[in-house]
Amino acid sequence: AKSCGCHEFIESLENGYNTVTGDSGGHLSGGERQRISI
């Protein structure tokens, strides 16, 4: 995540890396889902 520049955004989520994304990642924006896929 750090290598992709995503660590900070993940840490800013409600529970950081322990945030549950929801069905099909529905709790996250499209850009956030894309970054997690990367």
All heavy atoms as atom14 arrays in JSON, in Angstrom:
{
  "sequence": "AKSCGCHEFIESLENGYNTVTGDSGGHLSGGERQRISI",
  "atom14_mask": [
    [1, 1, 1, 1, 1, 0, 0, 0, 0, 0, 0, 0, 0, 0],
    [1, 1, 1, 1, 1, 1, 1, 1, 1, 0, 0, 0, 0, 0],
    [1, 1, 1, 1, 1, 1, 0, 0, 0, 0, 0, 0, 0, 0],
    [1, 1, 1, 1, 1, 1, 0, 0, 0, 0, 0, 0, 0, 0],
    [1, 1, 1, 1, 0, 0, 0, 0, 0, 0, 0, 0, 0, 0],
    [1, 1, 1, 1, 1, 1, 0, 0, 0, 0, 0, 0, 0, 0],
    [1, 1, 1, 1, 1, 1, 1, 1, 1, 1, 0, 0, 0, 0],
    [1, 1, 1, 1, 1, 1, 1, 1, 1, 0, 0, 0, 0, 0],
    [1, 1, 1, 1, 1, 1, 1, 1, 1, 1, 1, 0, 0, 0],
    [1, 1, 1, 1, 1, 1, 1, 1, 0, 0, 0, 0, 0, 0],
    [1, 1, 1, 1, 1, 1, 1, 1, 1, 0, 0, 0, 0, 0],
    [1, 1, 1, 1, 1, 1, 0, 0, 0, 0, 0, 0, 0, 0],
    [1, 1, 1, 1, 1, 1, 1, 1, 0, 0, 0, 0, 0, 0],
    [1, 1, 1, 1, 1, 1, 1, 1, 1, 0, 0, 0, 0, 0],
    [1, 1, 1, 1, 1, 1, 1, 1, 0, 0, 0, 0, 0, 0],
    [1, 1, 1, 1, 0, 0, 0, 0, 0, 0, 0, 0, 0, 0],
    [1, 1, 1, 1, 1, 1, 1, 1, 1, 1, 1, 1, 0, 0],
    [1, 1, 1, 1, 1, 1, 1, 1, 0, 0, 0, 0, 0, 0],
    [1, 1, 1, 1, 1, 1, 1, 0, 0, 0, 0, 0, 0, 0],
    [1, 1, 1, 1, 1, 1, 1, 0, 0, 0, 0, 0, 0, 0],
    [1, 1, 1, 1, 1, 1, 1, 0, 0, 0, 0, 0, 0, 0],
    [1, 1, 1, 1, 0, 0, 0, 0, 0, 0, 0, 0, 0, 0],
    [1, 1, 1, 1, 1, 1, 1, 1, 0, 0, 0, 0, 0, 0],
    [1, 1, 1, 1, 1, 1, 0, 0, 0, 0, 0, 0, 0, 0],
    [1, 1, 1, 1, 0, 0, 0, 0, 0, 0, 0, 0, 0, 0],
    [1, 1, 1, 1, 0, 0, 0, 0, 0, 0, 0, 0, 0, 0],
    [1, 1, 1, 1, 1, 1, 1, 1, 1, 1, 0, 0, 0, 0],
    [1, 1, 1, 1, 1, 1, 1, 1, 0, 0, 0, 0, 0, 0],
    [1, 1, 1, 1, 1, 1, 0, 0, 0, 0, 0, 0, 0, 0],
    [1, 1, 1, 1, 0, 0, 0, 0, 0, 0, 0, 0, 0, 0],
    [1, 1, 1, 1, 0, 0, 0, 0, 0, 0, 0, 0, 0, 0],
    [1, 1, 1, 1, 1, 1, 1, 1, 1, 0, 0, 0, 0, 0],
    [1, 1, 1, 1, 1, 1, 1, 1, 1, 1, 1, 0, 0, 0],
    [1, 1, 1, 1, 1, 1, 1, 1, 1, 0, 0, 0, 0, 0],
    [1, 1, 1, 1, 1, 1, 1, 1, 1, 1, 1, 0, 0, 0],
    [1, 1, 1, 1, 1, 1, 1, 1, 0, 0, 0, 0, 0, 0],
    [1, 1, 1, 1, 1, 1, 0, 0, 0, 0, 0, 0, 0, 0],
    [1, 1, 1, 1, 1, 1, 1, 1, 0, 0, 0, 0, 0, 0]
  ],
  "atom14_positions": [
    [[0.84, -1.21, 0.0], [0.0, 0.0, 0.0], [0.87, 1.25, 0.0], [0.58, 2.22, -0.72], [-0.94, -0.01, 1.19], [0.0, 0.0, 0.0], [0.0, 0.0, 0.0], [0.0, 0.0, 0.0], [0.0, 0.0, 0.0], [0.0, 0.0, 0.0], [0.0, 0.0, 0.0], [0.0, 0.0, 0.0], [0.0, 0.0, 0.0], [0.0, 0.0, 0.0]],
    [[1.94, 1.22, 0.77], [2.85, 2.37, 0.78], [3.51, 2.56, -0.58], [3.65, 3.68, -1.05], [3.92, 2.18, 1.87], [3.39, 2.38, 3.28], [4.48, 2.16, 4.31], [3.95, 2.37, 5.72], [4.98, 2.09, 6.75], [0.0, 0.0, 0.0], [0.0, 0.0, 0.0], [0.0, 0.0, 0.0], [0.0, 0.0, 0.0], [0.0, 0.0, 0.0]],
    [[3.9, 1.45, -1.23], [4.54, 1.52, -2.55], [3.63, 2.15, -3.58], [4.1, 2.77, -4.53], [4.93, 0.12, -3.02], [5.91, -0.42, -2.18], [0.0, 0.0, 0.0], [0.0, 0.0, 0.0], [0.0, 0.0, 0.0], [0.0, 0.0, 0.0], [0.0, 0.0, 0.0], [0.0, 0.0, 0.0], [0.0, 0.0, 0.0], [0.0, 0.0, 0.0]],
    [[2.33, 1.97, -3.42], [1.35, 2.52, -4.36], [0.81, 3.88, -3.92], [-0.1, 4.42, -4.56], [0.18, 1.56, -4.52], [0.55, 0.09, -5.45], [0.0, 0.0, 0.0], [0.0, 0.0, 0.0], [0.0, 0.0, 0.0], [0.0, 0.0, 0.0], [0.0, 0.0, 0.0], [0.0, 0.0, 0.0], [0.0, 0.0, 0.0], [0.0, 0.0, 0.0]],
    [[1.32, 4.41, -2.82], [0.83, 5.69, -2.34], [-0.57, 5.62, -1.77], [-1.3, 6.6, -1.79], [0.0, 0.0, 0.0], [0.0, 0.0, 0.0], [0.0, 0.0, 0.0], [0.0, 0.0, 0.0], [0.0, 0.0, 0.0], [0.0, 0.0, 0.0], [0.0, 0.0, 0.0], [0.0, 0.0, 0.0], [0.0, 0.0, 0.0], [0.0, 0.0, 0.0]],
    [[-0.97, 4.44, -1.27], [-2.34, 4.26, -0.78], [-2.43, 4.14, 0.75], [-3.54, 4.12, 1.29], [-2.96, 3.01, -1.42], [-3.16, 3.19, -3.21], [0.0, 0.0, 0.0], [0.0, 0.0, 0.0], [0.0, 0.0, 0.0], [0.0, 0.0, 0.0], [0.0, 0.0, 0.0], [0.0, 0.0, 0.0], [0.0, 0.0, 0.0], [0.0, 0.0, 0.0]],
    [[-1.31, 4.04, 1.4], [-1.31, 3.81, 2.85], [-2.06, 4.92, 3.61], [-2.9, 4.62, 4.47], [0.13, 3.7, 3.36], [0.26, 3.54, 4.83], [-0.1, 2.37, 5.49], [0.68, 4.4, 5.79], [0.11, 2.52, 6.78], [0.58, 3.74, 6.99], [0.0, 0.0, 0.0], [0.0, 0.0, 0.0], [0.0, 0.0, 0.0], [0.0, 0.0, 0.0]],
    [[-1.79, 6.16, 3.26], [-2.42, 7.28, 3.98], [-3.93, 7.27, 3.82], [-4.66, 7.46, 4.78], [-1.84, 8.62, 3.5], [-0.4, 8.85, 3.9], [0.61, 8.08, 3.05], [0.27, 7.65, 1.91], [1.73, 7.87, 3.54], [0.0, 0.0, 0.0], [0.0, 0.0, 0.0], [0.0, 0.0, 0.0], [0.0, 0.0, 0.0], [0.0, 0.0, 0.0]],
    [[-4.4, 7.03, 2.59], [-5.86, 7.03, 2.4], [-6.5, 5.86, 3.15], [-7.58, 6.01, 3.74], [-6.22, 7.04, 0.91], [-6.93, 5.83, 0.39], [-8.28, 5.61, 0.66], [-6.26, 4.88, -0.37], [-8.92, 4.48, 0.19], [-6.9, 3.76, -0.84], [-8.23, 3.56, -0.56], [0.0, 0.0, 0.0], [0.0, 0.0, 0.0], [0.0, 0.0, 0.0]],
    [[-5.84, 4.71, 3.17], [-6.38, 3.56, 3.9], [-6.41, 3.86, 5.39], [-7.4, 3.59, 6.07], [-5.59, 2.27, 3.59], [-5.78, 1.87, 2.12], [-6.01, 1.13, 4.52], [-4.86, 0.76, 1.64], [0.0, 0.0, 0.0], [0.0, 0.0, 0.0], [0.0, 0.0, 0.0], [0.0, 0.0, 0.0], [0.0, 0.0, 0.0], [0.0, 0.0, 0.0]],
    [[-5.34, 4.43, 5.9], [-5.28, 4.79, 7.33], [-6.37, 5.79, 7.7], [-6.82, 5.81, 8.83], [-3.91, 5.35, 7.68], [-2.83, 4.29, 7.8], [-2.97, 3.45, 9.06], [-2.79, 4.0, 10.16], [-3.26, 2.25, 8.94], [0.0, 0.0, 0.0], [0.0, 0.0, 0.0], [0.0, 0.0, 0.0], [0.0, 0.0, 0.0], [0.0, 0.0, 0.0]],
    [[-6.79, 6.63, 6.72], [-7.81, 7.64, 7.01], [-9.23, 7.06, 7.03], [-10.16, 7.75, 7.46], [-7.73, 8.77, 5.99], [-8.23, 8.35, 4.74], [0.0, 0.0, 0.0], [0.0, 0.0, 0.0], [0.0, 0.0, 0.0], [0.0, 0.0, 0.0], [0.0, 0.0, 0.0], [0.0, 0.0, 0.0], [0.0, 0.0, 0.0], [0.0, 0.0, 0.0]],
    [[-9.39, 5.82, 6.59], [-10.71, 5.18, 6.66], [-11.1, 4.96, 8.11], [-10.24, 4.92, 8.99], [-10.7, 3.84, 5.89], [-10.44, 3.92, 4.39], [-10.26, 2.52, 3.81], [-11.56, 4.66, 3.68], [0.0, 0.0, 0.0], [0.0, 0.0, 0.0], [0.0, 0.0, 0.0], [0.0, 0.0, 0.0], [0.0, 0.0, 0.0], [0.0, 0.0, 0.0]],
    [[-12.38, 4.78, 8.34], [-12.91, 4.66, 9.7], [-12.1, 3.73, 10.6], [-11.78, 4.07, 11.73], [-14.37, 4.18, 9.62], [-15.05, 4.09, 10.96], [-16.48, 3.61, 10.84], [-17.02, 3.56, 9.71], [-17.06, 3.27, 11.88], [0.0, 0.0, 0.0], [0.0, 0.0, 0.0], [0.0, 0.0, 0.0], [0.0, 0.0, 0.0], [0.0, 0.0, 0.0]],
    [[-11.77, 2.55, 10.1], [-10.99, 1.58, 10.88], [-9.69, 1.2, 10.18], [-9.19, 0.08, 10.36], [-11.83, 0.32, 11.15], [-13.03, 0.62, 12.04], [-12.88, 1.19, 13.11], [-14.22, 0.29, 11.56], [0.0, 0.0, 0.0], [0.0, 0.0, 0.0], [0.0, 0.0, 0.0], [0.0, 0.0, 0.0], [0.0, 0.0, 0.0], [0.0, 0.0, 0.0]],
    [[-9.19, 2.08, 9.35], [-7.94, 1.83, 8.65], [-8.01, 0.55, 7.84], [-8.98, 0.29, 7.13], [0.0, 0.0, 0.0], [0.0, 0.0, 0.0], [0.0, 0.0, 0.0], [0.0, 0.0, 0.0], [0.0, 0.0, 0.0], [0.0, 0.0, 0.0], [0.0, 0.0, 0.0], [0.0, 0.0, 0.0], [0.0, 0.0, 0.0], [0.0, 0.0, 0.0]],
    [[-6.99, -0.28, 7.97], [-6.93, -1.55, 7.23], [-8.02, -2.53, 7.68], [-8.32, -3.48, 6.98], [-5.55, -2.2, 7.38], [-4.49, -1.51, 6.57], [-3.79, -0.43, 7.07], [-4.2, -1.94, 5.28], [-2.81, 0.21, 6.32], [-3.23, -1.31, 4.51], [-2.54, -0.23, 5.05], [-1.58, 0.39, 4.3], [0.0, 0.0, 0.0], [0.0, 0.0, 0.0]],
    [[-8.62, -2.29, 8.84], [-9.68, -3.17, 9.34], [-11.07, -2.69, 8.95], [-12.07, -3.23, 9.42], [-9.57, -3.31, 10.86], [-8.31, -4.06, 11.25], [-7.98, -5.08, 10.64], [-7.59, -3.55, 12.23], [0.0, 0.0, 0.0], [0.0, 0.0, 0.0], [0.0, 0.0, 0.0], [0.0, 0.0, 0.0], [0.0, 0.0, 0.0], [0.0, 0.0, 0.0]],
    [[-11.14, -1.69, 8.08], [-12.43, -1.21, 7.59], [-13.05, -2.27, 6.68], [-12.39, -2.77, 5.77], [-12.26, 0.1, 6.79], [-11.68, 1.08, 7.65], [-13.58, 0.6, 6.24], [0.0, 0.0, 0.0], [0.0, 0.0, 0.0], [0.0, 0.0, 0.0], [0.0, 0.0, 0.0], [0.0, 0.0, 0.0], [0.0, 0.0, 0.0], [0.0, 0.0, 0.0]],
    [[-14.29, -2.62, 6.95], [-15.0, -3.58, 6.09], [-15.52, -2.81, 4.88], [-16.16, -1.77, 5.01], [-16.16, -4.26, 6.87], [-16.97, -5.15, 5.95], [-15.61, -5.05, 8.04], [0.0, 0.0, 0.0], [0.0, 0.0, 0.0], [0.0, 0.0, 0.0], [0.0, 0.0, 0.0], [0.0, 0.0, 0.0], [0.0, 0.0, 0.0], [0.0, 0.0, 0.0]],
    [[-15.23, -3.34, 3.71], [-15.55, -2.62, 2.47], [-17.01, -2.7, 2.06], [-17.47, -1.91, 1.25], [-14.68, -3.14, 1.3], [-15.0, -4.51, 1.06], [-13.21, -2.97, 1.59], [0.0, 0.0, 0.0], [0.0, 0.0, 0.0], [0.0, 0.0, 0.0], [0.0, 0.0, 0.0], [0.0, 0.0, 0.0], [0.0, 0.0, 0.0], [0.0, 0.0, 0.0]],
    [[-17.75, -3.67, 2.6], [-19.14, -3.84, 2.22], [-19.27, -4.72, 0.99], [-18.28, -5.06, 0.35], [0.0, 0.0, 0.0], [0.0, 0.0, 0.0], [0.0, 0.0, 0.0], [0.0, 0.0, 0.0], [0.0, 0.0, 0.0], [0.0, 0.0, 0.0], [0.0, 0.0, 0.0], [0.0, 0.0, 0.0], [0.0, 0.0, 0.0], [0.0, 0.0, 0.0]],
    [[-20.51, -5.07, 0.65], [-20.75, -5.89, -0.55], [-20.21, -5.17, -1.77], [-20.54, -4.0, -2.0], [-22.25, -6.15, -0.73], [-22.8, -7.11, 0.31], [-22.02, -7.96, 0.79], [-23.99, -6.99, 0.66], [0.0, 0.0, 0.0], [0.0, 0.0, 0.0], [0.0, 0.0, 0.0], [0.0, 0.0, 0.0], [0.0, 0.0, 0.0], [0.0, 0.0, 0.0]],
    [[-19.37, -5.85, -2.53], [-18.75, -5.31, -3.74], [-17.98, -4.01, -3.48], [-17.79, -3.22, -4.39], [-19.79, -5.07, -4.82], [-20.46, -6.26, -5.14], [0.0, 0.0, 0.0], [0.0, 0.0, 0.0], [0.0, 0.0, 0.0], [0.0, 0.0, 0.0], [0.0, 0.0, 0.0], [0.0, 0.0, 0.0], [0.0, 0.0, 0.0], [0.0, 0.0, 0.0]],
    [[-17.57, -3.79, -2.24], [-16.83, -2.57, -1.9], [-17.72, -1.36, -1.79], [-17.25, -0.22, -1.88], [0.0, 0.0, 0.0], [0.0, 0.0, 0.0], [0.0, 0.0, 0.0], [0.0, 0.0, 0.0], [0.0, 0.0, 0.0], [0.0, 0.0, 0.0], [0.0, 0.0, 0.0], [0.0, 0.0, 0.0], [0.0, 0.0, 0.0], [0.0, 0.0, 0.0]],
    [[-19.02, -1.57, -1.58], [-20.01, -0.5, -1.57], [-19.8, 0.6, -0.55], [-20.36, 1.69, -0.71], [0.0, 0.0, 0.0], [0.0, 0.0, 0.0], [0.0, 0.0, 0.0], [0.0, 0.0, 0.0], [0.0, 0.0, 0.0], [0.0, 0.0, 0.0], [0.0, 0.0, 0.0], [0.0, 0.0, 0.0], [0.0, 0.0, 0.0], [0.0, 0.0, 0.0]],
    [[-19.01, 0.36, 0.49], [-18.75, 1.4, 1.49], [-17.64, 2.35, 1.07], [-17.32, 3.29, 1.78], [-18.4, 0.79, 2.85], [-19.52, 0.02, 3.46], [-19.32, -1.04, 4.31], [-20.87, 0.13, 3.34], [-20.47, -1.53, 4.68], [-21.43, -0.84, 4.1], [0.0, 0.0, 0.0], [0.0, 0.0, 0.0], [0.0, 0.0, 0.0], [0.0, 0.0, 0.0]],
    [[-17.05, 2.1, -0.09], [-15.95, 2.93, -0.58], [-16.31, 3.58, -1.9], [-17.19, 3.1, -2.62], [-14.69, 2.06, -0.79], [-14.18, 1.28, 0.42], [-13.01, 0.4, 0.01], [-13.76, 2.23, 1.54], [0.0, 0.0, 0.0], [0.0, 0.0, 0.0], [0.0, 0.0, 0.0], [0.0, 0.0, 0.0], [0.0, 0.0, 0.0], [0.0, 0.0, 0.0]],
    [[-15.64, 4.66, -2.22], [-15.87, 5.32, -3.51], [-15.24, 4.47, -4.62], [-14.41, 3.59, -4.36], [-15.23, 6.71, -3.52], [-13.81, 6.59, -3.59], [0.0, 0.0, 0.0], [0.0, 0.0, 0.0], [0.0, 0.0, 0.0], [0.0, 0.0, 0.0], [0.0, 0.0, 0.0], [0.0, 0.0, 0.0], [0.0, 0.0, 0.0], [0.0, 0.0, 0.0]],
    [[-15.6, 4.76, -5.86], [-15.03, 4.04, -6.99], [-13.51, 4.19, -7.05], [-12.79, 3.24, -7.33], [0.0, 0.0, 0.0], [0.0, 0.0, 0.0], [0.0, 0.0, 0.0], [0.0, 0.0, 0.0], [0.0, 0.0, 0.0], [0.0, 0.0, 0.0], [0.0, 0.0, 0.0], [0.0, 0.0, 0.0], [0.0, 0.0, 0.0], [0.0, 0.0, 0.0]],
    [[-13.02, 5.39, -6.8], [-11.58, 5.63, -6.79], [-10.87, 4.86, -5.7], [-9.77, 4.34, -5.91], [0.0, 0.0, 0.0], [0.0, 0.0, 0.0], [0.0, 0.0, 0.0], [0.0, 0.0, 0.0], [0.0, 0.0, 0.0], [0.0, 0.0, 0.0], [0.0, 0.0, 0.0], [0.0, 0.0, 0.0], [0.0, 0.0, 0.0], [0.0, 0.0, 0.0]],
    [[-11.49, 4.77, -4.52], [-10.9, 4.01, -3.42], [-10.86, 2.52, -3.75], [-9.85, 1.85, -3.5], [-11.68, 4.26, -2.12], [-11.5, 5.66, -1.58], [-12.47, 6.01, -0.46], [-13.56, 5.4, -0.38], [-12.15, 6.92, 0.32], [0.0, 0.0, 0.0], [0.0, 0.0, 0.0], [0.0, 0.0, 0.0], [0.0, 0.0, 0.0], [0.0, 0.0, 0.0]],
    [[-11.94, 2.0, -4.33], [-11.96, 0.59, -4.73], [-10.87, 0.32, -5.76], [-10.17, -0.69, -5.7], [-13.33, 0.21, -5.3], [-14.41, 0.1, -4.26], [-15.68, -0.55, -4.79], [-16.24, 0.12, -5.95], [-17.14, 1.11, -5.89], [-17.57, 1.55, -4.73], [-17.61, 1.65, -7.0], [0.0, 0.0, 0.0], [0.0, 0.0, 0.0], [0.0, 0.0, 0.0]],
    [[-10.72, 1.25, -6.71], [-9.7, 1.11, -7.75], [-8.31, 1.05, -7.14], [-7.5, 0.21, -7.5], [-9.8, 2.29, -8.72], [-8.96, 2.14, -9.95], [-9.51, 1.07, -10.86], [-10.68, 0.73, -10.84], [-8.65, 0.5, -11.65], [0.0, 0.0, 0.0], [0.0, 0.0, 0.0], [0.0, 0.0, 0.0], [0.0, 0.0, 0.0], [0.0, 0.0, 0.0]],
    [[-8.04, 1.93, -6.19], [-6.72, 1.99, -5.57], [-6.43, 0.71, -4.78], [-5.3, 0.2, -4.8], [-6.61, 3.23, -4.71], [-6.63, 4.49, -5.57], [-6.65, 5.75, -4.77], [-5.34, 5.99, -4.17], [-5.14, 6.89, -3.23], [-6.13, 7.64, -2.79], [-3.93, 7.06, -2.73], [0.0, 0.0, 0.0], [0.0, 0.0, 0.0], [0.0, 0.0, 0.0]],
    [[-7.42, 0.16, -4.12], [-7.23, -1.09, -3.38], [-6.95, -2.23, -4.37], [-6.09, -3.09, -4.12], [-8.45, -1.39, -2.48], [-8.43, -0.4, -1.3], [-8.43, -2.83, -1.98], [-9.68, -0.41, -0.45], [0.0, 0.0, 0.0], [0.0, 0.0, 0.0], [0.0, 0.0, 0.0], [0.0, 0.0, 0.0], [0.0, 0.0, 0.0], [0.0, 0.0, 0.0]],
    [[-7.62, -2.23, -5.51], [-7.36, -3.25, -6.53], [-5.93, -3.15, -7.06], [-5.29, -4.17, -7.34], [-8.33, -3.11, -7.69], [-9.64, -3.4, -7.25], [0.0, 0.0, 0.0], [0.0, 0.0, 0.0], [0.0, 0.0, 0.0], [0.0, 0.0, 0.0], [0.0, 0.0, 0.0], [0.0, 0.0, 0.0], [0.0, 0.0, 0.0], [0.0, 0.0, 0.0]],
    [[-5.43, -1.94, -7.19], [-4.05, -1.75, -7.65], [-3.07, -2.26, -6.6], [-2.08, -2.92, -6.94], [-3.8, -0.27, -8.01], [-4.63, 0.09, -9.26], [-2.32, 0.0, -8.24], [-4.72, 1.57, -9.55], [0.0, 0.0, 0.0], [0.0, 0.0, 0.0], [0.0, 0.0, 0.0], [0.0, 0.0, 0.0], [0.0, 0.0, 0.0], [0.0, 0.0, 0.0]]
  ]
}
